[in-house]
Amino acid sequence: MSGSDRNSAEFNVQVSAGDAELEGDLVIPEGARGIVVFAHGSGSSRFSPRNQLVASFLNEGGLATLLFDLLTPKEHEIDIRTREFRFDIDLLSRRLVSTVDWLGEQPNTEAMSIGLFGASTGAAAALIAAAERPGSVAAVVSRGGRPDLAAKALPSVKAPTLLIVGGLDQVVIQMNRDASRQMQTEPSLEIVPGATHLFEEPGKLEEVCALTRDWFLKFLT
């Protein structure tokens, strides 16, 4: 189904996350019962073309999406120079937890099931948020994620979790296998053959999109 086949409402939002106001893009297809929140990877933003492609697949499948910046504009400028925020998993996960809470307070999203999509370091923040909000987070997908950075939280993650890794990304494959053994609810590990860390090879990111869409449709609707 193409985007033109489904009416969607689009909003620019300010997400209140603790002491920060974070810019976000909220898309709600008509009849959506689930919403996926994106936690982008190190040095990225809500304008990431990879995450935007995944979001479009989810919207076409009837799922709402929230692409938002985990850092304020000032923090993002500092991070580009110093890289000091991109690995501050405690900060990122606190803001993601606050975002989950915020969605539960908004009239147009409060009744929706919530999924978290985390890429790279954002996957660690997603897993920590899922552990801290087991009653709110219904499913998690990690793309090329660093679950090792969420080691303490892994045994507490109850949400069904899909770990997607490129078949040529050997170091990250091992990190994800190790993390799987620490989780009480065994996650599903999908290895995309012939893909590197960013899934830049032809057709590989589309495989990620399809896997992600199917996982969230299964658990959010």
N, C-alpha and C. Protein backbone atom coordinates (compact mmCIF):
# COMPACT_ATOMS: atom_id res chain seq x y z
N MET A 1 0.86 -1.20 0.00
CA MET A 1 0.00 0.00 0.00
C MET A 1 0.89 1.25 0.00
N SER A 2 0.61 2.17 -0.85
CA SER A 2 1.41 3.40 -0.90
C SER A 2 0.83 4.42 0.05
N GLY A 3 1.67 5.43 0.40
CA GLY A 3 1.23 6.45 1.34
C GLY A 3 -0.02 7.16 0.87
N SER A 4 -0.22 7.28 -0.45
CA SER A 4 -1.36 8.00 -0.96
C SER A 4 -2.66 7.23 -0.75
N ASP A 5 -2.55 5.91 -0.43
CA ASP A 5 -3.74 5.10 -0.23
C ASP A 5 -4.31 5.26 1.17
N ARG A 6 -3.61 5.92 2.04
CA ARG A 6 -4.03 6.01 3.44
C ARG A 6 -3.91 7.46 3.90
N ASN A 7 -4.99 8.02 4.41
CA ASN A 7 -4.94 9.39 4.91
C ASN A 7 -4.15 9.43 6.22
N SER A 8 -3.26 10.41 6.33
CA SER A 8 -2.45 10.57 7.54
C SER A 8 -2.50 12.02 7.99
N ALA A 9 -2.47 12.19 9.30
CA ALA A 9 -2.33 13.53 9.88
C ALA A 9 -0.88 13.70 10.31
N GLU A 10 -0.28 14.84 9.99
CA GLU A 10 1.12 15.09 10.32
C GLU A 10 1.21 16.31 11.22
N PHE A 11 2.04 16.19 12.26
CA PHE A 11 2.18 17.26 13.25
C PHE A 11 3.65 17.50 13.56
N ASN A 12 4.03 18.77 13.69
CA ASN A 12 5.31 19.11 14.31
C ASN A 12 5.04 19.30 15.79
N VAL A 13 5.76 18.56 16.63
CA VAL A 13 5.46 18.56 18.06
C VAL A 13 6.69 18.95 18.87
N GLN A 14 6.42 19.42 20.08
CA GLN A 14 7.46 19.66 21.08
C GLN A 14 7.25 18.63 22.18
N VAL A 15 8.18 17.72 22.30
CA VAL A 15 8.08 16.66 23.31
C VAL A 15 8.71 17.15 24.60
N SER A 16 7.94 17.14 25.69
CA SER A 16 8.47 17.53 26.99
C SER A 16 9.14 16.31 27.61
N ALA A 17 10.48 16.37 27.71
CA ALA A 17 11.26 15.25 28.24
C ALA A 17 12.13 15.75 29.38
N GLY A 18 11.58 15.73 30.58
CA GLY A 18 12.33 16.25 31.72
C GLY A 18 12.54 17.75 31.57
N ASP A 19 13.80 18.18 31.58
CA ASP A 19 14.11 19.61 31.49
C ASP A 19 14.32 20.06 30.05
N ALA A 20 14.03 19.18 29.09
CA ALA A 20 14.28 19.52 27.68
C ALA A 20 12.98 19.51 26.89
N GLU A 21 12.89 20.42 25.92
CA GLU A 21 11.82 20.42 24.93
C GLU A 21 12.43 19.95 23.61
N LEU A 22 11.96 18.82 23.11
CA LEU A 22 12.58 18.18 21.96
C LEU A 22 11.67 18.26 20.74
N GLU A 23 12.26 18.58 19.60
CA GLU A 23 11.52 18.71 18.35
C GLU A 23 11.18 17.33 17.79
N GLY A 24 9.93 17.19 17.31
CA GLY A 24 9.55 15.91 16.74
C GLY A 24 8.56 16.04 15.60
N ASP A 25 8.50 14.99 14.79
CA ASP A 25 7.54 14.89 13.68
C ASP A 25 6.66 13.68 13.93
N LEU A 26 5.38 13.94 14.14
CA LEU A 26 4.40 12.90 14.47
C LEU A 26 3.49 12.68 13.26
N VAL A 27 3.40 11.43 12.82
CA VAL A 27 2.51 11.07 11.71
C VAL A 27 1.53 10.02 12.20
N ILE A 28 0.23 10.29 12.01
CA ILE A 28 -0.80 9.37 12.47
C ILE A 28 -1.71 9.00 11.30
N PRO A 29 -1.54 7.79 10.74
CA PRO A 29 -2.45 7.34 9.69
C PRO A 29 -3.86 7.14 10.25
N GLU A 30 -4.82 7.28 9.40
CA GLU A 30 -6.21 7.09 9.81
C GLU A 30 -6.41 5.69 10.38
N GLY A 31 -7.00 5.60 11.57
CA GLY A 31 -7.28 4.31 12.19
C GLY A 31 -6.11 3.67 12.89
N ALA A 32 -4.98 4.38 13.05
CA ALA A 32 -3.79 3.79 13.68
C ALA A 32 -4.08 3.41 15.13
N ARG A 33 -3.66 2.19 15.50
CA ARG A 33 -3.82 1.73 16.88
C ARG A 33 -2.49 1.57 17.61
N GLY A 34 -1.41 1.71 16.86
CA GLY A 34 -0.08 1.61 17.47
C GLY A 34 0.81 2.72 16.98
N ILE A 35 1.79 3.09 17.79
CA ILE A 35 2.74 4.13 17.41
C ILE A 35 4.16 3.66 17.71
N VAL A 36 5.08 3.98 16.80
CA VAL A 36 6.48 3.60 16.95
C VAL A 36 7.31 4.86 17.17
N VAL A 37 8.07 4.86 18.25
CA VAL A 37 8.95 5.97 18.60
C VAL A 37 10.37 5.61 18.17
N PHE A 38 11.03 6.52 17.48
CA PHE A 38 12.38 6.27 16.97
C PHE A 38 13.43 6.87 17.90
N ALA A 39 14.39 6.04 18.28
CA ALA A 39 15.57 6.50 19.03
C ALA A 39 16.76 6.35 18.10
N HIS A 40 17.21 7.46 17.52
CA HIS A 40 18.25 7.38 16.49
C HIS A 40 19.61 7.11 17.09
N GLY A 41 20.54 6.74 16.23
CA GLY A 41 21.88 6.38 16.67
C GLY A 41 22.79 7.58 16.85
N SER A 42 24.02 7.30 17.19
CA SER A 42 24.99 8.33 17.51
C SER A 42 25.19 9.28 16.34
N GLY A 43 25.10 10.58 16.65
CA GLY A 43 25.36 11.61 15.65
C GLY A 43 24.26 11.82 14.65
N SER A 44 23.11 11.16 14.82
CA SER A 44 22.02 11.26 13.87
C SER A 44 20.91 12.15 14.42
N SER A 45 19.82 12.28 13.66
CA SER A 45 18.71 13.12 14.07
C SER A 45 17.43 12.59 13.44
N ARG A 46 16.32 13.29 13.68
CA ARG A 46 15.05 12.85 13.11
C ARG A 46 15.03 12.97 11.59
N PHE A 47 16.03 13.65 11.02
CA PHE A 47 16.10 13.79 9.57
C PHE A 47 16.90 12.65 8.91
N SER A 48 17.30 11.67 9.69
CA SER A 48 18.04 10.53 9.14
C SER A 48 17.26 9.87 8.01
N PRO A 49 17.81 9.81 6.80
CA PRO A 49 17.07 9.20 5.69
C PRO A 49 16.76 7.73 5.94
N ARG A 50 17.63 7.03 6.68
CA ARG A 50 17.36 5.62 6.97
C ARG A 50 16.13 5.48 7.86
N ASN A 51 16.08 6.27 8.94
CA ASN A 51 14.92 6.19 9.82
C ASN A 51 13.66 6.69 9.13
N GLN A 52 13.79 7.69 8.28
CA GLN A 52 12.61 8.19 7.58
C GLN A 52 12.05 7.14 6.63
N LEU A 53 12.92 6.35 6.01
CA LEU A 53 12.44 5.27 5.15
C LEU A 53 11.69 4.22 5.96
N VAL A 54 12.25 3.83 7.11
CA VAL A 54 11.56 2.87 7.97
C VAL A 54 10.20 3.42 8.40
N ALA A 55 10.18 4.70 8.79
CA ALA A 55 8.93 5.32 9.24
C ALA A 55 7.88 5.30 8.13
N SER A 56 8.30 5.53 6.88
CA SER A 56 7.32 5.54 5.78
C SER A 56 6.72 4.16 5.58
N PHE A 57 7.53 3.11 5.75
CA PHE A 57 7.01 1.75 5.66
C PHE A 57 5.97 1.51 6.76
N LEU A 58 6.26 1.99 7.97
CA LEU A 58 5.34 1.79 9.09
C LEU A 58 4.05 2.56 8.86
N ASN A 59 4.15 3.80 8.36
CA ASN A 59 2.96 4.60 8.08
C ASN A 59 2.09 3.91 7.02
N GLU A 60 2.73 3.37 5.99
CA GLU A 60 1.99 2.67 4.94
C GLU A 60 1.29 1.43 5.49
N GLY A 61 1.86 0.85 6.56
CA GLY A 61 1.25 -0.30 7.20
C GLY A 61 0.18 0.08 8.22
N GLY A 62 -0.08 1.39 8.37
CA GLY A 62 -1.13 1.84 9.28
C GLY A 62 -0.67 2.15 10.68
N LEU A 63 0.63 2.24 10.90
CA LEU A 63 1.17 2.56 12.22
C LEU A 63 1.59 4.03 12.29
N ALA A 64 1.31 4.66 13.41
CA ALA A 64 1.77 6.02 13.65
C ALA A 64 3.26 5.99 13.98
N THR A 65 3.94 7.12 13.74
CA THR A 65 5.37 7.21 14.06
C THR A 65 5.69 8.55 14.70
N LEU A 66 6.68 8.52 15.58
CA LEU A 66 7.24 9.75 16.15
C LEU A 66 8.74 9.73 15.92
N LEU A 67 9.19 10.57 14.99
CA LEU A 67 10.61 10.81 14.78
C LEU A 67 10.96 12.08 15.53
N PHE A 68 11.88 11.98 16.49
CA PHE A 68 12.19 13.18 17.26
C PHE A 68 13.68 13.19 17.62
N ASP A 69 14.15 14.36 18.00
CA ASP A 69 15.56 14.53 18.34
C ASP A 69 15.76 14.28 19.84
N LEU A 70 16.65 13.36 20.17
CA LEU A 70 16.94 13.08 21.57
C LEU A 70 17.77 14.19 22.21
N LEU A 71 18.40 15.03 21.38
CA LEU A 71 19.19 16.15 21.87
C LEU A 71 18.55 17.47 21.46
N THR A 72 18.73 18.49 22.27
CA THR A 72 18.29 19.84 21.89
C THR A 72 19.22 20.35 20.79
N PRO A 73 18.81 21.38 20.04
CA PRO A 73 19.70 21.92 18.99
C PRO A 73 21.08 22.32 19.54
N LYS A 74 21.11 22.92 20.72
CA LYS A 74 22.39 23.34 21.30
C LYS A 74 23.26 22.12 21.63
N GLU A 75 22.63 21.07 22.23
CA GLU A 75 23.38 19.85 22.54
C GLU A 75 23.88 19.18 21.27
N HIS A 76 23.06 19.21 20.22
CA HIS A 76 23.46 18.59 18.96
C HIS A 76 24.69 19.29 18.38
N GLU A 77 24.71 20.62 18.45
CA GLU A 77 25.87 21.38 17.96
C GLU A 77 27.13 21.01 18.74
N ILE A 78 26.98 20.91 20.07
CA ILE A 78 28.13 20.54 20.91
C ILE A 78 28.59 19.12 20.56
N ASP A 79 27.62 18.21 20.38
CA ASP A 79 27.94 16.81 20.13
C ASP A 79 28.68 16.63 18.80
N ILE A 80 28.34 17.44 17.80
CA ILE A 80 29.04 17.35 16.52
C ILE A 80 30.53 17.62 16.71
N ARG A 81 30.83 18.55 17.62
CA ARG A 81 32.24 18.91 17.86
C ARG A 81 32.92 17.95 18.84
N THR A 82 32.22 17.56 19.90
CA THR A 82 32.88 16.85 21.00
C THR A 82 32.47 15.39 21.15
N ARG A 83 31.33 14.99 20.53
CA ARG A 83 30.78 13.64 20.64
C ARG A 83 30.42 13.27 22.08
N GLU A 84 30.19 14.27 22.93
CA GLU A 84 30.01 13.99 24.35
C GLU A 84 28.63 13.48 24.73
N PHE A 85 27.62 13.71 23.87
CA PHE A 85 26.26 13.30 24.22
C PHE A 85 25.83 11.97 23.59
N ARG A 86 26.42 11.62 22.47
CA ARG A 86 25.90 10.48 21.71
C ARG A 86 26.05 9.15 22.44
N PHE A 87 27.01 9.07 23.36
CA PHE A 87 27.15 7.84 24.15
C PHE A 87 26.71 8.03 25.60
N ASP A 88 25.98 9.11 25.86
CA ASP A 88 25.42 9.32 27.20
C ASP A 88 24.08 8.58 27.25
N ILE A 89 24.18 7.26 27.42
CA ILE A 89 22.99 6.41 27.33
C ILE A 89 22.00 6.72 28.46
N ASP A 90 22.51 7.11 29.62
CA ASP A 90 21.60 7.47 30.72
C ASP A 90 20.72 8.65 30.32
N LEU A 91 21.32 9.68 29.73
CA LEU A 91 20.56 10.86 29.29
C LEU A 91 19.56 10.47 28.21
N LEU A 92 20.02 9.73 27.21
CA LEU A 92 19.15 9.37 26.09
C LEU A 92 17.98 8.50 26.56
N SER A 93 18.25 7.55 27.44
CA SER A 93 17.18 6.67 27.90
C SER A 93 16.19 7.41 28.79
N ARG A 94 16.67 8.34 29.62
CA ARG A 94 15.75 9.14 30.44
C ARG A 94 14.79 9.93 29.55
N ARG A 95 15.33 10.50 28.50
CA ARG A 95 14.48 11.28 27.60
C ARG A 95 13.51 10.39 26.83
N LEU A 96 13.92 9.19 26.52
CA LEU A 96 13.02 8.27 25.82
C LEU A 96 11.90 7.82 26.76
N VAL A 97 12.22 7.55 28.00
CA VAL A 97 11.19 7.21 29.00
C VAL A 97 10.20 8.36 29.13
N SER A 98 10.71 9.59 29.21
CA SER A 98 9.83 10.76 29.32
C SER A 98 8.94 10.88 28.09
N THR A 99 9.46 10.51 26.93
CA THR A 99 8.68 10.58 25.69
C THR A 99 7.56 9.55 25.70
N VAL A 100 7.86 8.35 26.19
CA VAL A 100 6.82 7.32 26.33
C VAL A 100 5.70 7.84 27.25
N ASP A 101 6.09 8.46 28.37
CA ASP A 101 5.11 9.02 29.29
C ASP A 101 4.30 10.13 28.62
N TRP A 102 4.99 10.97 27.86
CA TRP A 102 4.35 12.10 27.17
C TRP A 102 3.29 11.61 26.20
N LEU A 103 3.60 10.55 25.45
CA LEU A 103 2.64 10.01 24.49
C LEU A 103 1.37 9.52 25.18
N GLY A 104 1.56 8.98 26.39
CA GLY A 104 0.41 8.50 27.14
C GLY A 104 -0.48 9.60 27.67
N GLU A 105 -0.03 10.86 27.55
CA GLU A 105 -0.80 12.00 28.04
C GLU A 105 -1.43 12.81 26.91
N GLN A 106 -1.10 12.48 25.66
CA GLN A 106 -1.61 13.25 24.52
C GLN A 106 -2.94 12.66 24.03
N PRO A 107 -3.94 13.48 23.80
CA PRO A 107 -5.26 12.97 23.41
C PRO A 107 -5.24 12.09 22.15
N ASN A 108 -4.35 12.41 21.19
CA ASN A 108 -4.38 11.65 19.94
C ASN A 108 -3.49 10.41 19.95
N THR A 109 -2.75 10.16 21.06
CA THR A 109 -1.89 8.96 21.13
C THR A 109 -2.09 8.15 22.41
N GLU A 110 -2.87 8.66 23.37
CA GLU A 110 -2.94 8.02 24.69
C GLU A 110 -3.48 6.59 24.64
N ALA A 111 -4.31 6.28 23.63
CA ALA A 111 -4.90 4.94 23.55
C ALA A 111 -4.06 3.97 22.71
N MET A 112 -2.96 4.44 22.14
CA MET A 112 -2.17 3.60 21.24
C MET A 112 -1.16 2.73 21.99
N SER A 113 -0.94 1.52 21.45
CA SER A 113 0.18 0.70 21.91
C SER A 113 1.48 1.33 21.41
N ILE A 114 2.52 1.27 22.23
CA ILE A 114 3.78 1.94 21.91
C ILE A 114 4.87 0.93 21.60
N GLY A 115 5.55 1.14 20.47
CA GLY A 115 6.74 0.38 20.13
C GLY A 115 7.94 1.31 20.06
N LEU A 116 9.11 0.78 20.29
CA LEU A 116 10.35 1.56 20.22
C LEU A 116 11.27 0.97 19.16
N PHE A 117 11.76 1.84 18.27
CA PHE A 117 12.71 1.44 17.24
C PHE A 117 14.02 2.15 17.52
N GLY A 118 15.07 1.40 17.84
CA GLY A 118 16.35 2.00 18.16
C GLY A 118 17.43 1.58 17.19
N ALA A 119 18.22 2.54 16.72
CA ALA A 119 19.33 2.26 15.82
C ALA A 119 20.64 2.55 16.53
N SER A 120 21.61 1.66 16.38
CA SER A 120 22.94 1.84 16.96
C SER A 120 22.84 2.10 18.46
N THR A 121 23.38 3.23 18.94
CA THR A 121 23.31 3.52 20.38
C THR A 121 21.88 3.78 20.84
N GLY A 122 21.01 4.22 19.92
CA GLY A 122 19.61 4.44 20.27
C GLY A 122 18.92 3.15 20.69
N ALA A 123 19.42 2.00 20.21
CA ALA A 123 18.83 0.72 20.61
C ALA A 123 19.03 0.47 22.10
N ALA A 124 20.17 0.90 22.63
CA ALA A 124 20.41 0.74 24.07
C ALA A 124 19.41 1.57 24.87
N ALA A 125 19.18 2.80 24.43
CA ALA A 125 18.20 3.66 25.10
C ALA A 125 16.81 3.04 25.02
N ALA A 126 16.47 2.43 23.87
CA ALA A 126 15.16 1.81 23.70
C ALA A 126 14.98 0.63 24.64
N LEU A 127 16.00 -0.19 24.79
CA LEU A 127 15.91 -1.35 25.68
C LEU A 127 15.79 -0.93 27.13
N ILE A 128 16.53 0.11 27.52
CA ILE A 128 16.43 0.61 28.90
C ILE A 128 15.03 1.17 29.15
N ALA A 129 14.49 1.93 28.19
CA ALA A 129 13.14 2.49 28.34
C ALA A 129 12.10 1.38 28.44
N ALA A 130 12.28 0.32 27.64
CA ALA A 130 11.34 -0.81 27.70
C ALA A 130 11.40 -1.49 29.07
N ALA A 131 12.60 -1.58 29.63
CA ALA A 131 12.74 -2.18 30.96
C ALA A 131 12.09 -1.32 32.04
N GLU A 132 12.17 0.00 31.87
CA GLU A 132 11.63 0.91 32.88
C GLU A 132 10.14 1.15 32.73
N ARG A 133 9.58 0.90 31.56
CA ARG A 133 8.15 1.11 31.33
C ARG A 133 7.52 -0.16 30.74
N PRO A 134 7.58 -1.28 31.49
CA PRO A 134 7.06 -2.54 30.94
C PRO A 134 5.57 -2.52 30.65
N GLY A 135 4.83 -1.65 31.35
CA GLY A 135 3.39 -1.57 31.11
C GLY A 135 3.03 -0.69 29.92
N SER A 136 3.99 0.05 29.41
CA SER A 136 3.72 0.99 28.33
C SER A 136 4.32 0.56 26.99
N VAL A 137 5.49 -0.04 27.03
CA VAL A 137 6.19 -0.41 25.79
C VAL A 137 5.82 -1.84 25.41
N ALA A 138 5.17 -1.99 24.25
CA ALA A 138 4.63 -3.28 23.84
C ALA A 138 5.58 -4.08 22.95
N ALA A 139 6.58 -3.44 22.34
CA ALA A 139 7.50 -4.14 21.45
C ALA A 139 8.71 -3.25 21.17
N VAL A 140 9.84 -3.89 20.84
CA VAL A 140 11.08 -3.18 20.55
C VAL A 140 11.72 -3.78 19.30
N VAL A 141 12.26 -2.92 18.44
CA VAL A 141 13.10 -3.37 17.33
C VAL A 141 14.42 -2.62 17.40
N SER A 142 15.51 -3.35 17.26
CA SER A 142 16.86 -2.78 17.25
C SER A 142 17.46 -3.01 15.87
N ARG A 143 17.97 -1.94 15.25
CA ARG A 143 18.63 -2.06 13.95
C ARG A 143 20.11 -1.77 14.10
N GLY A 144 20.94 -2.78 13.91
CA GLY A 144 22.38 -2.58 14.06
C GLY A 144 22.70 -2.03 15.43
N GLY A 145 22.00 -2.54 16.44
CA GLY A 145 22.03 -1.93 17.77
C GLY A 145 23.21 -2.31 18.63
N ARG A 146 23.38 -1.53 19.69
CA ARG A 146 24.41 -1.77 20.70
C ARG A 146 23.73 -2.14 22.02
N PRO A 147 23.12 -3.33 22.10
CA PRO A 147 22.47 -3.72 23.35
C PRO A 147 23.44 -3.90 24.50
N ASP A 148 24.73 -4.06 24.19
CA ASP A 148 25.73 -4.18 25.26
C ASP A 148 25.77 -2.93 26.13
N LEU A 149 25.36 -1.77 25.56
CA LEU A 149 25.37 -0.53 26.33
C LEU A 149 24.17 -0.43 27.27
N ALA A 150 23.27 -1.43 27.21
CA ALA A 150 22.11 -1.49 28.11
C ALA A 150 22.18 -2.74 28.98
N ALA A 151 23.39 -3.23 29.23
CA ALA A 151 23.58 -4.54 29.86
C ALA A 151 22.78 -4.72 31.16
N LYS A 152 22.79 -3.71 32.03
CA LYS A 152 22.13 -3.85 33.32
C LYS A 152 20.61 -3.99 33.18
N ALA A 153 20.06 -3.41 32.12
CA ALA A 153 18.60 -3.42 31.94
C ALA A 153 18.10 -4.66 31.22
N LEU A 154 18.97 -5.38 30.52
CA LEU A 154 18.52 -6.46 29.64
C LEU A 154 17.66 -7.51 30.34
N PRO A 155 18.03 -7.97 31.55
CA PRO A 155 17.20 -8.99 32.20
C PRO A 155 15.79 -8.51 32.54
N SER A 156 15.57 -7.19 32.53
CA SER A 156 14.26 -6.64 32.91
C SER A 156 13.37 -6.31 31.71
N VAL A 157 13.87 -6.52 30.49
CA VAL A 157 13.07 -6.21 29.30
C VAL A 157 12.03 -7.30 29.10
N LYS A 158 10.76 -6.93 29.15
CA LYS A 158 9.67 -7.89 28.97
C LYS A 158 9.03 -7.80 27.59
N ALA A 159 9.22 -6.70 26.89
CA ALA A 159 8.58 -6.50 25.58
C ALA A 159 9.20 -7.43 24.54
N PRO A 160 8.38 -7.99 23.64
CA PRO A 160 8.93 -8.77 22.53
C PRO A 160 9.93 -7.93 21.74
N THR A 161 11.12 -8.48 21.54
CA THR A 161 12.23 -7.71 20.96
C THR A 161 12.79 -8.39 19.72
N LEU A 162 12.96 -7.60 18.66
CA LEU A 162 13.58 -8.06 17.42
C LEU A 162 14.92 -7.35 17.25
N LEU A 163 15.97 -8.14 17.10
CA LEU A 163 17.32 -7.60 16.88
C LEU A 163 17.69 -7.86 15.42
N ILE A 164 17.90 -6.77 14.65
CA ILE A 164 18.25 -6.90 13.24
C ILE A 164 19.71 -6.46 13.06
N VAL A 165 20.51 -7.33 12.46
CA VAL A 165 21.94 -7.04 12.28
C VAL A 165 22.35 -7.44 10.87
N GLY A 166 23.26 -6.67 10.27
CA GLY A 166 23.79 -7.02 8.97
C GLY A 166 24.70 -8.23 9.04
N GLY A 167 24.59 -9.09 8.03
CA GLY A 167 25.37 -10.32 8.03
C GLY A 167 26.87 -10.12 7.97
N LEU A 168 27.31 -8.94 7.50
CA LEU A 168 28.75 -8.64 7.42
C LEU A 168 29.23 -7.85 8.63
N ASP A 169 28.33 -7.58 9.57
CA ASP A 169 28.65 -6.76 10.75
C ASP A 169 29.00 -7.68 11.91
N GLN A 170 30.13 -8.38 11.79
CA GLN A 170 30.43 -9.49 12.68
C GLN A 170 30.53 -9.09 14.15
N VAL A 171 31.14 -7.96 14.43
CA VAL A 171 31.31 -7.53 15.82
C VAL A 171 29.95 -7.29 16.48
N VAL A 172 29.06 -6.62 15.73
CA VAL A 172 27.74 -6.30 16.28
C VAL A 172 26.87 -7.55 16.36
N ILE A 173 27.04 -8.50 15.44
CA ILE A 173 26.33 -9.78 15.56
C ILE A 173 26.66 -10.43 16.89
N GLN A 174 27.94 -10.47 17.24
CA GLN A 174 28.35 -11.11 18.49
C GLN A 174 27.80 -10.35 19.69
N MET A 175 27.81 -9.01 19.63
CA MET A 175 27.24 -8.21 20.73
C MET A 175 25.77 -8.55 20.93
N ASN A 176 25.05 -8.71 19.83
CA ASN A 176 23.62 -9.00 19.92
C ASN A 176 23.37 -10.43 20.42
N ARG A 177 24.20 -11.37 20.00
CA ARG A 177 24.06 -12.74 20.51
C ARG A 177 24.33 -12.79 22.01
N ASP A 178 25.36 -12.07 22.44
CA ASP A 178 25.66 -12.03 23.88
C ASP A 178 24.51 -11.40 24.65
N ALA A 179 23.95 -10.32 24.12
CA ALA A 179 22.84 -9.64 24.79
C ALA A 179 21.62 -10.55 24.86
N SER A 180 21.37 -11.32 23.81
CA SER A 180 20.21 -12.21 23.79
C SER A 180 20.24 -13.17 24.97
N ARG A 181 21.43 -13.63 25.31
CA ARG A 181 21.55 -14.60 26.40
C ARG A 181 21.28 -13.98 27.77
N GLN A 182 21.33 -12.64 27.83
CA GLN A 182 21.08 -11.96 29.11
C GLN A 182 19.62 -11.59 29.31
N MET A 183 18.81 -11.77 28.27
CA MET A 183 17.41 -11.36 28.34
C MET A 183 16.53 -12.54 28.73
N GLN A 184 15.56 -12.29 29.63
CA GLN A 184 14.68 -13.34 30.09
C GLN A 184 13.73 -13.79 28.99
N THR A 185 13.18 -12.83 28.24
CA THR A 185 12.33 -13.17 27.11
C THR A 185 13.23 -13.19 25.88
N GLU A 186 13.49 -14.40 25.36
CA GLU A 186 14.47 -14.54 24.29
C GLU A 186 14.06 -13.72 23.08
N PRO A 187 14.90 -12.78 22.65
CA PRO A 187 14.56 -11.96 21.48
C PRO A 187 14.73 -12.76 20.19
N SER A 188 14.15 -12.22 19.12
CA SER A 188 14.34 -12.79 17.80
C SER A 188 15.52 -12.07 17.14
N LEU A 189 16.50 -12.82 16.67
CA LEU A 189 17.68 -12.24 16.01
C LEU A 189 17.59 -12.51 14.52
N GLU A 190 17.47 -11.44 13.73
CA GLU A 190 17.40 -11.55 12.28
C GLU A 190 18.70 -11.00 11.69
N ILE A 191 19.43 -11.84 10.99
CA ILE A 191 20.67 -11.42 10.34
C ILE A 191 20.40 -11.27 8.85
N VAL A 192 20.60 -10.05 8.34
CA VAL A 192 20.31 -9.76 6.93
C VAL A 192 21.57 -10.07 6.11
N PRO A 193 21.53 -11.11 5.28
CA PRO A 193 22.72 -11.53 4.54
C PRO A 193 23.26 -10.42 3.64
N GLY A 194 24.59 -10.29 3.62
CA GLY A 194 25.24 -9.36 2.71
C GLY A 194 25.15 -7.90 3.10
N ALA A 195 24.64 -7.61 4.31
CA ALA A 195 24.49 -6.22 4.75
C ALA A 195 25.58 -5.83 5.74
N THR A 196 26.07 -4.60 5.61
CA THR A 196 27.02 -4.05 6.58
C THR A 196 26.24 -3.28 7.65
N HIS A 197 26.95 -2.55 8.50
CA HIS A 197 26.34 -1.95 9.69
C HIS A 197 25.18 -1.01 9.38
N LEU A 198 25.31 -0.21 8.32
CA LEU A 198 24.28 0.78 8.00
C LEU A 198 23.30 0.29 6.93
N PHE A 199 23.43 -0.97 6.51
CA PHE A 199 22.51 -1.55 5.52
C PHE A 199 22.44 -0.69 4.25
N GLU A 200 23.62 -0.26 3.79
CA GLU A 200 23.69 0.64 2.63
C GLU A 200 23.66 -0.10 1.30
N GLU A 201 23.78 -1.42 1.32
CA GLU A 201 23.78 -2.19 0.08
C GLU A 201 22.36 -2.19 -0.52
N PRO A 202 22.26 -2.28 -1.86
CA PRO A 202 20.95 -2.22 -2.52
C PRO A 202 19.96 -3.22 -1.95
N GLY A 203 18.79 -2.71 -1.57
CA GLY A 203 17.70 -3.56 -1.10
C GLY A 203 17.76 -3.98 0.35
N LYS A 204 18.91 -3.77 1.01
CA LYS A 204 19.06 -4.29 2.38
C LYS A 204 18.25 -3.49 3.39
N LEU A 205 18.21 -2.16 3.23
CA LEU A 205 17.43 -1.35 4.17
C LEU A 205 15.94 -1.64 4.00
N GLU A 206 15.53 -1.94 2.77
CA GLU A 206 14.13 -2.31 2.54
C GLU A 206 13.79 -3.61 3.27
N GLU A 207 14.75 -4.54 3.36
CA GLU A 207 14.54 -5.76 4.14
C GLU A 207 14.33 -5.42 5.61
N VAL A 208 15.14 -4.49 6.11
CA VAL A 208 14.98 -4.03 7.49
C VAL A 208 13.58 -3.44 7.70
N CYS A 209 13.16 -2.62 6.74
CA CYS A 209 11.84 -1.98 6.84
C CYS A 209 10.73 -3.01 6.93
N ALA A 210 10.80 -4.04 6.08
CA ALA A 210 9.75 -5.06 6.06
C ALA A 210 9.73 -5.86 7.36
N LEU A 211 10.90 -6.24 7.85
CA LEU A 211 10.99 -6.97 9.12
C LEU A 211 10.42 -6.14 10.27
N THR A 212 10.77 -4.85 10.26
CA THR A 212 10.33 -3.95 11.33
C THR A 212 8.81 -3.76 11.29
N ARG A 213 8.30 -3.51 10.09
CA ARG A 213 6.84 -3.32 9.94
C ARG A 213 6.08 -4.56 10.42
N ASP A 214 6.53 -5.73 9.99
CA ASP A 214 5.81 -6.95 10.34
C ASP A 214 5.85 -7.20 11.85
N TRP A 215 6.98 -6.91 12.48
CA TRP A 215 7.11 -7.11 13.92
C TRP A 215 6.15 -6.20 14.69
N PHE A 216 6.13 -4.93 14.32
CA PHE A 216 5.26 -4.00 15.04
C PHE A 216 3.78 -4.25 14.73
N LEU A 217 3.46 -4.64 13.51
CA LEU A 217 2.06 -4.96 13.22
C LEU A 217 1.61 -6.16 14.06
N LYS A 218 2.50 -7.09 14.30
CA LYS A 218 2.16 -8.28 15.09
C LYS A 218 1.89 -7.92 16.54
N PHE A 219 2.69 -7.01 17.10
CA PHE A 219 2.61 -6.78 18.55
C PHE A 219 1.92 -5.49 18.96
N LEU A 220 1.70 -4.57 18.03
CA LEU A 220 1.06 -3.30 18.40
C LEU A 220 -0.40 -3.23 17.99
N THR A 221 -0.85 -4.14 17.12
CA THR A 221 -2.24 -4.05 16.65
C THR A 221 -3.01 -5.31 16.97
